[in-house]
Amino acid sequence: MFVFASVPKLTSDPAAIQGFELLGLGQWFRYLTGTLEALGGIALLIPPAAPFGALVLVCVMVGAILSHLLVLPGSPLPAPVFLLLCLFIAWGRRARLQALFSRR
C-alpha cells in the first residue's frame, strides 16, 4: 500500500500537487513524502530492513494524521490504521533494533 500511495506523489498527479499546496510546505515535501513511503514500503518486504521501514512509515503516518486533521479534507481514518500496523511491525522486530543500537 505504501509503494502504491507513493506513485501519485512521485509522478506529480494533480490531486497530489493540490493536496501538498494546501499544506503550504512546497512541492519538495511531496517528493520527500513519496520517497519515504516508497522506501519504507520496500523495506517492509525485506525482513532485515523491516523494522527500519516501519519506523520511517510511523513518522510518515503521524504526519498524515496531523495533515488530515488540521488541513486536508477527507477522512484521516486510513492513516491511524496503517500507523498501528507499522507500530506492530516495529514492535515485533524490536530485537533487531535493540541489537543494532546496543552495539554503539
Protein backbone atom coordinates (compact mmCIF):
# COMPACT_ATOMS: atom_id res chain seq x y z
CA MET A 1 0.00 0.00 0.00
CA PHE A 2 2.80 2.43 0.81
CA VAL A 3 4.50 1.92 -2.54
CA PHE A 4 1.18 2.42 -4.33
CA ALA A 5 0.50 5.55 -2.28
CA SER A 6 3.88 6.97 -3.28
CA VAL A 7 3.23 6.78 -7.03
CA PRO A 8 0.89 9.80 -7.33
CA LYS A 9 3.26 11.88 -5.23
CA LEU A 10 6.32 10.96 -7.26
CA THR A 11 4.61 11.22 -10.66
CA SER A 12 3.11 14.67 -9.99
CA ASP A 13 -0.52 13.64 -10.03
CA PRO A 14 -2.63 16.83 -9.98
CA ALA A 15 -4.52 15.71 -6.85
CA ALA A 16 -1.23 15.14 -5.01
CA ILE A 17 0.06 18.52 -6.13
CA GLN A 18 -3.13 20.20 -4.92
CA GLY A 19 -3.04 18.40 -1.57
CA PHE A 20 0.52 19.45 -0.86
CA GLU A 21 -0.27 23.01 -1.98
CA LEU A 22 -2.94 23.07 0.73
CA LEU A 23 -0.34 22.02 3.27
CA GLY A 24 1.78 25.02 2.30
CA LEU A 25 5.09 23.20 2.65
CA GLY A 26 6.06 23.24 -1.00
CA GLN A 27 6.30 20.52 -3.59
CA TRP A 28 9.67 19.33 -2.27
CA PHE A 29 7.72 17.91 0.67
CA ARG A 30 5.54 15.90 -1.74
CA TYR A 31 8.67 14.33 -3.22
CA LEU A 32 10.11 13.67 0.22
CA THR A 33 6.89 12.06 1.43
CA GLY A 34 6.58 9.93 -1.70
CA THR A 35 10.19 8.81 -1.44
CA LEU A 36 9.83 7.90 2.24
CA GLU A 37 6.64 5.97 1.50
CA ALA A 38 8.27 4.06 -1.36
CA LEU A 39 11.47 3.25 0.53
CA GLY A 40 9.60 2.37 3.72
CA GLY A 41 7.18 0.13 1.84
CA ILE A 42 10.02 -1.68 0.07
CA ALA A 43 11.91 -2.03 3.36
CA LEU A 44 8.88 -3.75 4.91
CA LEU A 45 9.28 -6.52 2.32
CA ILE A 46 12.92 -7.18 3.28
CA PRO A 47 12.99 -8.88 6.71
CA PRO A 48 16.27 -7.36 7.99
CA ALA A 49 15.16 -3.89 6.89
CA ALA A 50 11.52 -4.19 8.01
CA PRO A 51 11.91 -2.54 11.43
CA PHE A 52 13.62 0.48 9.88
CA GLY A 53 10.96 0.77 7.19
CA ALA A 54 8.28 0.53 9.85
CA LEU A 55 9.86 3.35 11.88
CA VAL A 56 10.11 5.59 8.83
CA LEU A 57 6.49 4.89 7.98
CA VAL A 58 5.39 5.58 11.57
CA CYS A 59 6.74 9.12 11.12
CA VAL A 60 5.01 9.48 7.75
CA MET A 61 1.70 8.26 9.19
CA VAL A 62 1.87 10.66 12.14
CA GLY A 63 2.34 13.46 9.61
CA ALA A 64 -0.55 12.15 7.52
CA ILE A 65 -2.85 12.05 10.54
CA LEU A 66 -1.97 15.60 11.53
CA SER A 67 -2.33 16.82 7.95
CA HIS A 68 -5.80 15.32 7.60
CA LEU A 69 -6.97 16.52 10.98
CA LEU A 70 -5.69 20.06 10.62
CA VAL A 71 -5.61 20.98 6.93
CA LEU A 72 -6.61 18.40 4.33
CA PRO A 73 -10.16 17.39 3.51
CA GLY A 74 -11.19 13.77 3.66
CA SER A 75 -11.12 11.09 6.27
CA PRO A 76 -7.99 10.62 8.36
CA LEU A 77 -9.09 7.04 9.17
CA PRO A 78 -6.68 5.07 6.91
CA ALA A 79 -3.59 6.75 8.38
CA PRO A 80 -4.15 5.59 12.01
CA VAL A 81 -4.83 2.07 10.79
CA PHE A 82 -1.54 1.99 8.87
CA LEU A 83 0.20 3.66 11.81
CA LEU A 84 -0.92 0.84 14.10
CA LEU A 85 0.25 -1.78 11.59
CA CYS A 86 3.67 -0.14 11.33
CA LEU A 87 3.93 0.10 15.12
CA PHE A 88 3.04 -3.59 15.32
CA ILE A 89 5.82 -4.46 12.85
CA ALA A 90 8.37 -2.26 14.61
CA TRP A 91 7.43 -3.77 17.99
CA GLY A 92 7.62 -7.30 16.61
CA ARG A 93 11.09 -6.63 15.22
CA ARG A 94 12.35 -4.62 18.19
CA ALA A 95 15.05 -7.18 18.97
CA ARG A 96 16.74 -6.30 15.67
CA LEU A 97 16.62 -2.61 16.52
CA GLN A 98 17.88 -3.18 20.06
CA ALA A 99 20.76 -5.32 18.80
CA LEU A 100 21.80 -2.65 16.34
CA PHE A 101 21.65 0.22 18.81
CA SER A 102 23.25 -1.69 21.70
CA ARG A 103 26.43 -2.20 19.65
CA ARG A 104 27.16 1.51 19.69
